[in-house]
N, C-alpha and C. Protein backbone atom coordinates (compact mmCIF):
# COMPACT_ATOMS: atom_id res chain seq x y z
N MET A 1 -41.16 -47.14 37.49
CA MET A 1 -40.58 -47.87 36.38
C MET A 1 -41.54 -47.96 35.20
N GLU A 2 -42.84 -47.80 35.47
CA GLU A 2 -43.81 -47.84 34.39
C GLU A 2 -43.50 -46.74 33.36
N ALA A 3 -43.11 -45.56 33.83
CA ALA A 3 -42.79 -44.46 32.93
C ALA A 3 -41.64 -44.83 31.99
N LEU A 4 -40.64 -45.52 32.51
CA LEU A 4 -39.49 -45.93 31.70
C LEU A 4 -39.91 -46.91 30.62
N TRP A 5 -40.61 -47.96 30.99
CA TRP A 5 -40.95 -49.02 30.03
C TRP A 5 -42.01 -48.59 29.03
N VAL A 6 -42.99 -47.86 29.47
CA VAL A 6 -44.01 -47.36 28.54
C VAL A 6 -43.36 -46.40 27.55
N SER A 7 -42.51 -45.51 28.04
CA SER A 7 -41.83 -44.54 27.18
C SER A 7 -40.93 -45.24 26.16
N ALA A 8 -40.15 -46.20 26.61
CA ALA A 8 -39.24 -46.93 25.72
C ALA A 8 -40.01 -47.69 24.64
N THR A 9 -41.04 -48.39 25.05
CA THR A 9 -41.81 -49.19 24.10
C THR A 9 -42.51 -48.31 23.08
N LEU A 10 -43.17 -47.28 23.55
CA LEU A 10 -43.92 -46.40 22.67
C LEU A 10 -43.01 -45.74 21.64
N VAL A 11 -41.90 -45.20 22.09
CA VAL A 11 -41.01 -44.48 21.17
C VAL A 11 -40.29 -45.45 20.24
N ALA A 12 -39.90 -46.62 20.71
CA ALA A 12 -39.23 -47.59 19.83
C ALA A 12 -40.13 -47.97 18.67
N ILE A 13 -41.39 -48.18 18.94
CA ILE A 13 -42.33 -48.55 17.88
C ILE A 13 -42.63 -47.35 16.99
N ALA A 14 -42.83 -46.19 17.59
CA ALA A 14 -43.15 -44.99 16.82
C ALA A 14 -41.99 -44.56 15.92
N GLU A 15 -40.78 -44.86 16.32
CA GLU A 15 -39.60 -44.44 15.58
C GLU A 15 -39.39 -45.25 14.30
N ILE A 16 -39.92 -46.43 14.23
CA ILE A 16 -39.70 -47.26 13.05
C ILE A 16 -40.40 -46.63 11.85
N GLY A 17 -39.61 -46.32 10.84
CA GLY A 17 -40.12 -45.66 9.65
C GLY A 17 -40.22 -44.16 9.76
N ASP A 18 -39.86 -43.61 10.92
CA ASP A 18 -39.91 -42.17 11.14
C ASP A 18 -38.77 -41.48 10.38
N LYS A 19 -38.91 -40.17 10.14
CA LYS A 19 -37.88 -39.45 9.39
C LYS A 19 -36.52 -39.50 10.07
N THR A 20 -36.48 -39.54 11.41
CA THR A 20 -35.17 -39.61 12.07
C THR A 20 -34.52 -40.98 11.86
N GLN A 21 -35.33 -42.02 11.80
CA GLN A 21 -34.75 -43.33 11.50
C GLN A 21 -34.26 -43.37 10.05
N LEU A 22 -35.02 -42.78 9.16
CA LEU A 22 -34.56 -42.70 7.77
C LEU A 22 -33.28 -41.87 7.67
N LEU A 23 -33.18 -40.81 8.46
CA LEU A 23 -31.94 -40.03 8.50
C LEU A 23 -30.79 -40.89 9.00
N ALA A 24 -31.02 -41.72 10.01
CA ALA A 24 -29.97 -42.62 10.51
C ALA A 24 -29.50 -43.55 9.41
N ILE A 25 -30.41 -44.06 8.61
CA ILE A 25 -30.05 -44.94 7.50
C ILE A 25 -29.23 -44.18 6.45
N VAL A 26 -29.66 -42.95 6.14
CA VAL A 26 -28.93 -42.12 5.17
C VAL A 26 -27.52 -41.83 5.67
N LEU A 27 -27.40 -41.46 6.94
CA LEU A 27 -26.07 -41.18 7.51
C LEU A 27 -25.18 -42.43 7.49
N ALA A 28 -25.76 -43.57 7.82
CA ALA A 28 -24.99 -44.82 7.82
C ALA A 28 -24.53 -45.16 6.42
N ALA A 29 -25.38 -44.99 5.44
CA ALA A 29 -25.02 -45.30 4.06
C ALA A 29 -23.97 -44.31 3.54
N LYS A 30 -24.08 -43.05 3.95
CA LYS A 30 -23.18 -42.02 3.45
C LYS A 30 -21.78 -42.11 4.08
N TYR A 31 -21.74 -42.26 5.41
CA TYR A 31 -20.46 -42.18 6.11
C TYR A 31 -19.84 -43.53 6.46
N ARG A 32 -20.65 -44.56 6.61
CA ARG A 32 -20.16 -45.91 6.94
C ARG A 32 -19.25 -45.92 8.18
N ARG A 33 -19.63 -45.12 9.17
CA ARG A 33 -18.90 -45.05 10.45
C ARG A 33 -19.94 -45.13 11.56
N PRO A 34 -20.34 -46.33 11.96
CA PRO A 34 -21.48 -46.48 12.87
C PRO A 34 -21.27 -45.90 14.27
N VAL A 35 -20.08 -45.99 14.83
CA VAL A 35 -19.88 -45.55 16.22
C VAL A 35 -20.16 -44.05 16.38
N PRO A 36 -19.54 -43.15 15.59
CA PRO A 36 -19.86 -41.73 15.78
C PRO A 36 -21.31 -41.40 15.45
N ILE A 37 -21.91 -42.13 14.53
CA ILE A 37 -23.32 -41.89 14.21
C ILE A 37 -24.20 -42.28 15.40
N ILE A 38 -23.95 -43.44 15.97
CA ILE A 38 -24.73 -43.89 17.13
C ILE A 38 -24.55 -42.94 18.31
N LEU A 39 -23.32 -42.50 18.56
CA LEU A 39 -23.08 -41.56 19.66
C LEU A 39 -23.75 -40.21 19.40
N GLY A 40 -23.74 -39.76 18.15
CA GLY A 40 -24.43 -38.51 17.80
C GLY A 40 -25.93 -38.61 18.02
N ILE A 41 -26.51 -39.75 17.64
CA ILE A 41 -27.94 -39.98 17.87
C ILE A 41 -28.25 -39.97 19.37
N LEU A 42 -27.39 -40.64 20.15
CA LEU A 42 -27.60 -40.71 21.61
C LEU A 42 -27.58 -39.33 22.24
N VAL A 43 -26.56 -38.54 21.95
CA VAL A 43 -26.44 -37.22 22.57
C VAL A 43 -27.56 -36.29 22.11
N ALA A 44 -27.88 -36.32 20.81
CA ALA A 44 -28.97 -35.47 20.29
C ALA A 44 -30.30 -35.84 20.92
N THR A 45 -30.55 -37.14 21.05
CA THR A 45 -31.81 -37.60 21.64
C THR A 45 -31.91 -37.23 23.11
N LEU A 46 -30.82 -37.43 23.85
CA LEU A 46 -30.82 -37.06 25.27
C LEU A 46 -31.14 -35.58 25.44
N ALA A 47 -30.49 -34.73 24.67
CA ALA A 47 -30.71 -33.28 24.79
C ALA A 47 -32.14 -32.91 24.38
N ASN A 48 -32.57 -33.42 23.25
CA ASN A 48 -33.88 -33.07 22.73
C ASN A 48 -35.00 -33.59 23.63
N HIS A 49 -34.90 -34.84 24.05
CA HIS A 49 -35.97 -35.43 24.84
C HIS A 49 -35.96 -34.96 26.29
N ALA A 50 -34.79 -34.58 26.81
CA ALA A 50 -34.77 -34.00 28.16
C ALA A 50 -35.52 -32.66 28.16
N ALA A 51 -35.29 -31.86 27.13
CA ALA A 51 -36.01 -30.59 27.03
C ALA A 51 -37.51 -30.82 26.86
N ALA A 52 -37.87 -31.80 26.03
CA ALA A 52 -39.29 -32.11 25.81
C ALA A 52 -39.94 -32.63 27.10
N ALA A 53 -39.23 -33.48 27.83
CA ALA A 53 -39.76 -34.02 29.08
C ALA A 53 -39.91 -32.91 30.12
N TRP A 54 -38.94 -32.03 30.17
CA TRP A 54 -39.01 -30.89 31.10
C TRP A 54 -40.25 -30.04 30.77
N ALA A 55 -40.45 -29.77 29.48
CA ALA A 55 -41.63 -29.00 29.07
C ALA A 55 -42.91 -29.75 29.43
N GLY A 56 -42.90 -31.06 29.26
CA GLY A 56 -44.08 -31.85 29.59
C GLY A 56 -44.43 -31.81 31.07
N THR A 57 -43.40 -31.86 31.92
CA THR A 57 -43.68 -31.80 33.36
C THR A 57 -44.16 -30.40 33.76
N LEU A 58 -43.63 -29.37 33.11
CA LEU A 58 -44.11 -28.01 33.37
C LEU A 58 -45.57 -27.89 33.00
N ILE A 59 -45.89 -28.38 31.82
CA ILE A 59 -47.28 -28.34 31.37
C ILE A 59 -48.15 -29.16 32.31
N GLY A 60 -47.65 -30.34 32.68
CA GLY A 60 -48.40 -31.21 33.58
C GLY A 60 -48.63 -30.58 34.94
N ASP A 61 -47.63 -29.84 35.44
CA ASP A 61 -47.77 -29.17 36.73
C ASP A 61 -48.74 -27.98 36.65
N LEU A 62 -48.72 -27.29 35.52
CA LEU A 62 -49.58 -26.11 35.36
C LEU A 62 -51.02 -26.49 35.05
N LEU A 63 -51.18 -27.54 34.31
CA LEU A 63 -52.52 -27.93 33.86
C LEU A 63 -52.85 -29.32 34.40
N THR A 64 -53.30 -29.36 35.60
CA THR A 64 -53.64 -30.64 36.20
C THR A 64 -55.15 -30.85 36.18
N GLY A 65 -55.54 -32.01 36.49
CA GLY A 65 -56.96 -32.28 36.61
C GLY A 65 -57.49 -33.14 35.48
N GLN A 66 -58.76 -33.43 35.59
CA GLN A 66 -59.42 -34.34 34.68
C GLN A 66 -59.38 -33.85 33.23
N TRP A 67 -59.68 -32.58 32.99
CA TRP A 67 -59.71 -32.08 31.62
C TRP A 67 -58.35 -32.13 30.96
N PHE A 68 -57.31 -31.85 31.73
CA PHE A 68 -55.96 -31.93 31.16
C PHE A 68 -55.62 -33.37 30.79
N GLN A 69 -55.94 -34.31 31.67
CA GLN A 69 -55.68 -35.73 31.38
C GLN A 69 -56.45 -36.17 30.14
N ILE A 70 -57.68 -35.72 30.00
CA ILE A 70 -58.46 -36.05 28.81
C ILE A 70 -57.78 -35.44 27.58
N GLY A 71 -57.27 -34.22 27.71
CA GLY A 71 -56.55 -33.58 26.59
C GLY A 71 -55.31 -34.35 26.19
N VAL A 72 -54.56 -34.83 27.17
CA VAL A 72 -53.37 -35.64 26.88
C VAL A 72 -53.79 -36.92 26.16
N GLY A 73 -54.84 -37.56 26.64
CA GLY A 73 -55.33 -38.78 25.99
C GLY A 73 -55.77 -38.53 24.56
N VAL A 74 -56.48 -37.43 24.33
CA VAL A 74 -56.92 -37.08 22.98
C VAL A 74 -55.71 -36.78 22.09
N ALA A 75 -54.68 -36.16 22.65
CA ALA A 75 -53.46 -35.89 21.87
C ALA A 75 -52.80 -37.19 21.43
N PHE A 76 -52.78 -38.20 22.30
CA PHE A 76 -52.23 -39.51 21.91
C PHE A 76 -53.06 -40.14 20.80
N ILE A 77 -54.38 -39.99 20.90
CA ILE A 77 -55.25 -40.54 19.85
C ILE A 77 -54.98 -39.81 18.52
N ALA A 78 -54.80 -38.50 18.57
CA ALA A 78 -54.46 -37.74 17.36
C ALA A 78 -53.11 -38.19 16.80
N MET A 79 -52.16 -38.47 17.69
CA MET A 79 -50.86 -38.96 17.23
C MET A 79 -50.99 -40.32 16.55
N ALA A 80 -51.99 -41.10 16.93
CA ALA A 80 -52.23 -42.38 16.26
C ALA A 80 -52.50 -42.14 14.78
N GLY A 81 -53.29 -41.13 14.49
CA GLY A 81 -53.55 -40.79 13.09
C GLY A 81 -52.28 -40.33 12.39
N GLY A 82 -51.47 -39.53 13.08
CA GLY A 82 -50.21 -39.06 12.50
C GLY A 82 -49.22 -40.18 12.26
N ALA A 83 -49.27 -41.22 13.07
CA ALA A 83 -48.35 -42.34 12.91
C ALA A 83 -48.61 -43.10 11.61
N LEU A 84 -49.79 -42.97 11.07
CA LEU A 84 -50.13 -43.66 9.83
C LEU A 84 -49.60 -42.94 8.59
N ILE A 85 -49.15 -41.70 8.75
CA ILE A 85 -48.64 -40.91 7.63
C ILE A 85 -47.15 -41.18 7.48
N PRO A 86 -46.71 -41.68 6.34
CA PRO A 86 -45.28 -41.97 6.14
C PRO A 86 -44.45 -40.69 6.17
N ASP A 87 -43.25 -40.80 6.77
CA ASP A 87 -42.30 -39.70 6.77
C ASP A 87 -41.33 -39.89 5.61
N THR A 88 -40.67 -38.80 5.23
CA THR A 88 -39.60 -38.88 4.24
C THR A 88 -38.34 -38.35 4.89
N ALA A 89 -37.21 -38.91 4.49
CA ALA A 89 -35.93 -38.47 5.05
C ALA A 89 -35.57 -37.10 4.53
N ASP A 90 -34.96 -36.30 5.37
CA ASP A 90 -34.43 -35.01 4.95
C ASP A 90 -33.00 -35.25 4.52
N ASP A 91 -32.82 -35.61 3.24
CA ASP A 91 -31.50 -35.98 2.74
C ASP A 91 -30.50 -34.85 2.83
N THR A 92 -30.96 -33.61 2.80
CA THR A 92 -30.02 -32.50 2.82
C THR A 92 -29.54 -32.18 4.23
N ALA A 93 -30.21 -32.67 5.26
CA ALA A 93 -29.82 -32.33 6.64
C ALA A 93 -28.40 -32.78 6.94
N ALA A 94 -28.02 -33.94 6.47
CA ALA A 94 -26.68 -34.46 6.74
C ALA A 94 -25.62 -33.71 5.97
N GLU A 95 -26.00 -33.07 4.85
CA GLU A 95 -25.02 -32.41 4.01
C GLU A 95 -24.77 -30.96 4.44
N ARG A 96 -25.58 -30.40 5.29
CA ARG A 96 -25.46 -28.99 5.66
C ARG A 96 -24.32 -28.73 6.63
N HIS A 97 -23.87 -29.71 7.33
CA HIS A 97 -22.89 -29.50 8.39
C HIS A 97 -21.55 -30.11 7.99
N ALA A 98 -20.51 -29.27 8.03
CA ALA A 98 -19.21 -29.70 7.53
C ALA A 98 -18.37 -30.38 8.60
N GLY A 99 -18.81 -30.41 9.85
CA GLY A 99 -18.04 -31.03 10.93
C GLY A 99 -17.90 -32.52 10.74
N GLY A 100 -17.34 -33.17 11.72
CA GLY A 100 -17.16 -34.61 11.67
C GLY A 100 -18.48 -35.36 11.65
N VAL A 101 -18.40 -36.66 11.51
CA VAL A 101 -19.58 -37.51 11.44
C VAL A 101 -20.41 -37.37 12.73
N PHE A 102 -19.76 -37.34 13.87
CA PHE A 102 -20.47 -37.19 15.14
C PHE A 102 -21.23 -35.88 15.18
N LEU A 103 -20.55 -34.78 14.88
CA LEU A 103 -21.18 -33.46 14.93
C LEU A 103 -22.29 -33.34 13.89
N THR A 104 -22.05 -33.87 12.71
CA THR A 104 -23.08 -33.85 11.67
C THR A 104 -24.32 -34.59 12.14
N THR A 105 -24.12 -35.78 12.70
CA THR A 105 -25.24 -36.58 13.20
C THR A 105 -25.95 -35.87 14.34
N LEU A 106 -25.18 -35.36 15.30
CA LEU A 106 -25.75 -34.67 16.46
C LEU A 106 -26.65 -33.52 16.02
N VAL A 107 -26.13 -32.64 15.18
CA VAL A 107 -26.88 -31.45 14.78
C VAL A 107 -28.08 -31.85 13.91
N ALA A 108 -27.84 -32.71 12.92
CA ALA A 108 -28.93 -33.10 12.02
C ALA A 108 -30.04 -33.80 12.78
N PHE A 109 -29.67 -34.72 13.66
CA PHE A 109 -30.67 -35.47 14.41
C PHE A 109 -31.45 -34.56 15.35
N PHE A 110 -30.74 -33.65 16.03
CA PHE A 110 -31.41 -32.74 16.95
C PHE A 110 -32.43 -31.88 16.21
N ILE A 111 -32.03 -31.34 15.06
CA ILE A 111 -32.92 -30.46 14.30
C ILE A 111 -34.11 -31.23 13.74
N VAL A 112 -33.85 -32.40 13.16
CA VAL A 112 -34.93 -33.17 12.54
C VAL A 112 -35.91 -33.68 13.60
N GLU A 113 -35.44 -33.89 14.82
CA GLU A 113 -36.30 -34.40 15.89
C GLU A 113 -37.23 -33.33 16.46
N ILE A 114 -36.92 -32.05 16.21
CA ILE A 114 -37.77 -30.97 16.73
C ILE A 114 -39.15 -31.05 16.09
N GLY A 115 -40.16 -31.16 16.93
CA GLY A 115 -41.53 -31.25 16.46
C GLY A 115 -41.92 -32.62 15.93
N ASP A 116 -41.02 -33.57 16.01
CA ASP A 116 -41.29 -34.92 15.54
C ASP A 116 -42.25 -35.63 16.49
N LYS A 117 -42.92 -36.67 16.00
CA LYS A 117 -43.91 -37.34 16.85
C LYS A 117 -43.28 -37.97 18.09
N THR A 118 -42.01 -38.38 18.02
CA THR A 118 -41.38 -38.95 19.22
C THR A 118 -41.07 -37.85 20.24
N GLN A 119 -40.77 -36.64 19.78
CA GLN A 119 -40.57 -35.54 20.72
C GLN A 119 -41.89 -35.14 21.35
N ILE A 120 -42.93 -35.09 20.55
CA ILE A 120 -44.26 -34.78 21.09
C ILE A 120 -44.70 -35.86 22.07
N ALA A 121 -44.43 -37.12 21.72
CA ALA A 121 -44.76 -38.23 22.63
C ALA A 121 -44.01 -38.08 23.95
N THR A 122 -42.74 -37.66 23.88
CA THR A 122 -41.95 -37.45 25.09
C THR A 122 -42.58 -36.39 25.98
N THR A 123 -43.02 -35.30 25.38
CA THR A 123 -43.68 -34.23 26.13
C THR A 123 -44.95 -34.75 26.80
N LEU A 124 -45.74 -35.48 26.03
CA LEU A 124 -47.00 -36.01 26.58
C LEU A 124 -46.76 -37.05 27.66
N LEU A 125 -45.76 -37.91 27.45
CA LEU A 125 -45.44 -38.92 28.47
C LEU A 125 -44.96 -38.27 29.77
N ALA A 126 -44.16 -37.22 29.64
CA ALA A 126 -43.69 -36.52 30.84
C ALA A 126 -44.85 -35.83 31.55
N ALA A 127 -45.78 -35.29 30.78
CA ALA A 127 -46.97 -34.68 31.40
C ALA A 127 -47.79 -35.74 32.10
N ARG A 128 -47.86 -36.91 31.52
CA ARG A 128 -48.64 -38.02 32.10
C ARG A 128 -48.00 -38.58 33.36
N PHE A 129 -46.67 -38.85 33.27
CA PHE A 129 -45.99 -39.53 34.37
C PHE A 129 -45.31 -38.58 35.35
N ASP A 130 -45.13 -37.30 34.96
CA ASP A 130 -44.49 -36.29 35.81
C ASP A 130 -43.12 -36.77 36.32
N ASN A 131 -42.30 -37.29 35.38
CA ASN A 131 -40.98 -37.79 35.75
C ASN A 131 -40.02 -37.55 34.59
N ILE A 132 -39.25 -36.47 34.67
CA ILE A 132 -38.33 -36.10 33.59
C ILE A 132 -37.29 -37.19 33.36
N LEU A 133 -36.68 -37.68 34.42
CA LEU A 133 -35.58 -38.64 34.29
C LEU A 133 -36.02 -39.96 33.65
N LEU A 134 -37.08 -40.56 34.18
CA LEU A 134 -37.51 -41.86 33.65
C LEU A 134 -38.08 -41.75 32.24
N VAL A 135 -38.81 -40.68 31.96
CA VAL A 135 -39.35 -40.51 30.61
C VAL A 135 -38.22 -40.25 29.62
N THR A 136 -37.27 -39.39 29.96
CA THR A 136 -36.13 -39.13 29.07
C THR A 136 -35.32 -40.41 28.85
N ALA A 137 -35.06 -41.14 29.92
CA ALA A 137 -34.31 -42.39 29.78
C ALA A 137 -35.09 -43.38 28.92
N GLY A 138 -36.38 -43.48 29.14
CA GLY A 138 -37.20 -44.41 28.37
C GLY A 138 -37.29 -44.05 26.90
N THR A 139 -37.56 -42.78 26.61
CA THR A 139 -37.68 -42.39 25.20
C THR A 139 -36.34 -42.47 24.49
N THR A 140 -35.26 -42.17 25.20
CA THR A 140 -33.93 -42.30 24.61
C THR A 140 -33.62 -43.77 24.34
N LEU A 141 -33.95 -44.64 25.30
CA LEU A 141 -33.76 -46.07 25.10
C LEU A 141 -34.56 -46.54 23.88
N GLY A 142 -35.80 -46.10 23.76
CA GLY A 142 -36.62 -46.46 22.61
C GLY A 142 -36.02 -45.99 21.30
N MET A 143 -35.51 -44.76 21.28
CA MET A 143 -34.86 -44.24 20.07
C MET A 143 -33.64 -45.07 19.70
N MET A 144 -32.86 -45.45 20.70
CA MET A 144 -31.65 -46.24 20.43
C MET A 144 -32.01 -47.65 19.97
N LEU A 145 -33.05 -48.24 20.56
CA LEU A 145 -33.49 -49.57 20.14
C LEU A 145 -33.92 -49.57 18.67
N ALA A 146 -34.51 -48.49 18.23
CA ALA A 146 -34.96 -48.40 16.84
C ALA A 146 -33.85 -47.97 15.89
N ASN A 147 -32.94 -47.11 16.35
CA ASN A 147 -31.97 -46.52 15.44
C ASN A 147 -30.63 -47.24 15.35
N VAL A 148 -30.21 -47.90 16.41
CA VAL A 148 -28.93 -48.62 16.33
C VAL A 148 -28.99 -49.70 15.24
N PRO A 149 -30.04 -50.53 15.20
CA PRO A 149 -30.11 -51.49 14.09
C PRO A 149 -30.18 -50.80 12.73
N ALA A 150 -30.84 -49.65 12.66
CA ALA A 150 -30.93 -48.92 11.40
C ALA A 150 -29.54 -48.48 10.94
N VAL A 151 -28.73 -48.02 11.89
CA VAL A 151 -27.36 -47.60 11.55
C VAL A 151 -26.52 -48.81 11.16
N LEU A 152 -26.62 -49.88 11.92
CA LEU A 152 -25.78 -51.06 11.66
C LEU A 152 -26.18 -51.80 10.39
N LEU A 153 -27.46 -51.79 10.08
CA LEU A 153 -27.92 -52.51 8.89
C LEU A 153 -28.10 -51.60 7.67
N GLY A 154 -28.06 -50.28 7.91
CA GLY A 154 -28.16 -49.33 6.80
C GLY A 154 -29.42 -49.53 5.98
N GLU A 155 -29.26 -49.49 4.69
CA GLU A 155 -30.41 -49.58 3.79
C GLU A 155 -31.09 -50.95 3.80
N ARG A 156 -30.38 -51.99 4.21
CA ARG A 156 -30.98 -53.34 4.24
C ARG A 156 -32.17 -53.43 5.19
N ILE A 157 -32.23 -52.55 6.18
CA ILE A 157 -33.32 -52.60 7.17
C ILE A 157 -34.69 -52.38 6.52
N THR A 158 -34.72 -51.56 5.47
CA THR A 158 -36.01 -51.28 4.84
C THR A 158 -36.57 -52.48 4.09
N ARG A 159 -35.72 -53.44 3.78
CA ARG A 159 -36.21 -54.68 3.15
C ARG A 159 -36.70 -55.68 4.18
N ILE A 160 -36.26 -55.54 5.43
CA ILE A 160 -36.61 -56.48 6.50
C ILE A 160 -37.93 -56.12 7.17
N VAL A 161 -38.11 -54.84 7.44
CA VAL A 161 -39.27 -54.37 8.21
C VAL A 161 -40.33 -53.80 7.27
N PRO A 162 -41.52 -54.41 7.24
CA PRO A 162 -42.60 -53.82 6.44
C PRO A 162 -43.14 -52.58 7.15
N LEU A 163 -42.76 -51.41 6.67
CA LEU A 163 -43.04 -50.16 7.37
C LEU A 163 -44.53 -49.87 7.52
N ASN A 164 -45.34 -50.26 6.55
CA ASN A 164 -46.78 -50.01 6.68
C ASN A 164 -47.38 -50.77 7.86
N VAL A 165 -46.95 -51.99 8.07
CA VAL A 165 -47.43 -52.79 9.21
C VAL A 165 -47.00 -52.14 10.52
N VAL A 166 -45.75 -51.69 10.57
CA VAL A 166 -45.24 -51.06 11.79
C VAL A 166 -45.99 -49.77 12.08
N ARG A 167 -46.29 -48.99 11.05
CA ARG A 167 -47.05 -47.75 11.25
C ARG A 167 -48.42 -48.05 11.84
N ILE A 168 -49.06 -49.11 11.36
CA ILE A 168 -50.38 -49.49 11.86
C ILE A 168 -50.29 -49.92 13.33
N VAL A 169 -49.26 -50.71 13.66
CA VAL A 169 -49.07 -51.14 15.06
C VAL A 169 -48.79 -49.93 15.95
N ALA A 170 -47.93 -49.03 15.48
CA ALA A 170 -47.63 -47.81 16.26
C ALA A 170 -48.89 -46.99 16.48
N ALA A 171 -49.71 -46.85 15.44
CA ALA A 171 -50.96 -46.10 15.56
C ALA A 171 -51.89 -46.76 16.57
N ALA A 172 -51.96 -48.08 16.54
CA ALA A 172 -52.82 -48.80 17.49
C ALA A 172 -52.34 -48.59 18.92
N ILE A 173 -51.04 -48.59 19.12
CA ILE A 173 -50.50 -48.39 20.47
C ILE A 173 -50.78 -46.97 20.95
N PHE A 174 -50.53 -45.97 20.08
CA PHE A 174 -50.84 -44.58 20.45
C PHE A 174 -52.32 -44.46 20.82
N ALA A 175 -53.19 -45.03 19.99
CA ALA A 175 -54.63 -44.94 20.25
C ALA A 175 -55.01 -45.63 21.56
N ALA A 176 -54.44 -46.80 21.80
CA ALA A 176 -54.74 -47.54 23.03
C ALA A 176 -54.31 -46.74 24.26
N ILE A 177 -53.13 -46.14 24.21
CA ILE A 177 -52.66 -45.33 25.34
C ILE A 177 -53.57 -44.12 25.52
N GLY A 178 -53.96 -43.49 24.42
CA GLY A 178 -54.86 -42.34 24.50
C GLY A 178 -56.19 -42.71 25.13
N VAL A 179 -56.77 -43.82 24.69
CA VAL A 179 -58.04 -44.27 25.26
C VAL A 179 -57.87 -44.61 26.74
N TRP A 180 -56.76 -45.28 27.08
CA TRP A 180 -56.48 -45.63 28.48
C TRP A 180 -56.40 -44.38 29.36
N ILE A 181 -55.71 -43.34 28.88
CA ILE A 181 -55.58 -42.11 29.65
C ILE A 181 -56.94 -41.43 29.81
N VAL A 182 -57.72 -41.37 28.73
CA VAL A 182 -59.05 -40.74 28.79
C VAL A 182 -59.94 -41.51 29.78
N LEU A 183 -59.97 -42.84 29.67
CA LEU A 183 -60.80 -43.64 30.57
C LEU A 183 -60.36 -43.50 32.03
N ALA A 184 -59.05 -43.43 32.25
CA ALA A 184 -58.55 -43.25 33.62
C ALA A 184 -58.96 -41.89 34.18
N ALA A 185 -59.02 -40.88 33.30
CA ALA A 185 -59.40 -39.53 33.75
C ALA A 185 -60.89 -39.45 34.06
N ILE A 186 -61.66 -40.23 33.36
CA ILE A 186 -63.12 -40.20 33.57
C ILE A 186 -63.44 -41.04 34.78
């Protein structure tokens, strides 16, 4: 269960202010249909993070041992630095797809999430915990915890949450997990 809760917490915090959350706000403001947007985010996240978790367990199985664990820890510490860099929304992603709101959200979210820090975190968490199901469930839960309010509150969310403070907290959490993994490996 540790894999589920650590994954959910880490991704929920990392997602705040992320480009995919900004995309959720843009989609909510543009379409004003929260249910298909939320369902599109859910399906895109499940598909994207399941693939990332699968890759993480493959990497974890192939590269085991102390040096690999130290590498995973260092990657989390590097992600802490990346969490401090503000993302910008890809406003054109939602406009490229002519399908319904659900399909537009699904495709846009899946594409924008590729290579995103939450996808990378999912891969690293799966390598750390070696559990595709719990990591995917946890990271998806974290994404939904961060994005459902963004969809429901739309643009008003950016006035409520001071994004710079959240980025600093997310960076601190990434760094703490990285240090914890490195120390456990040593």
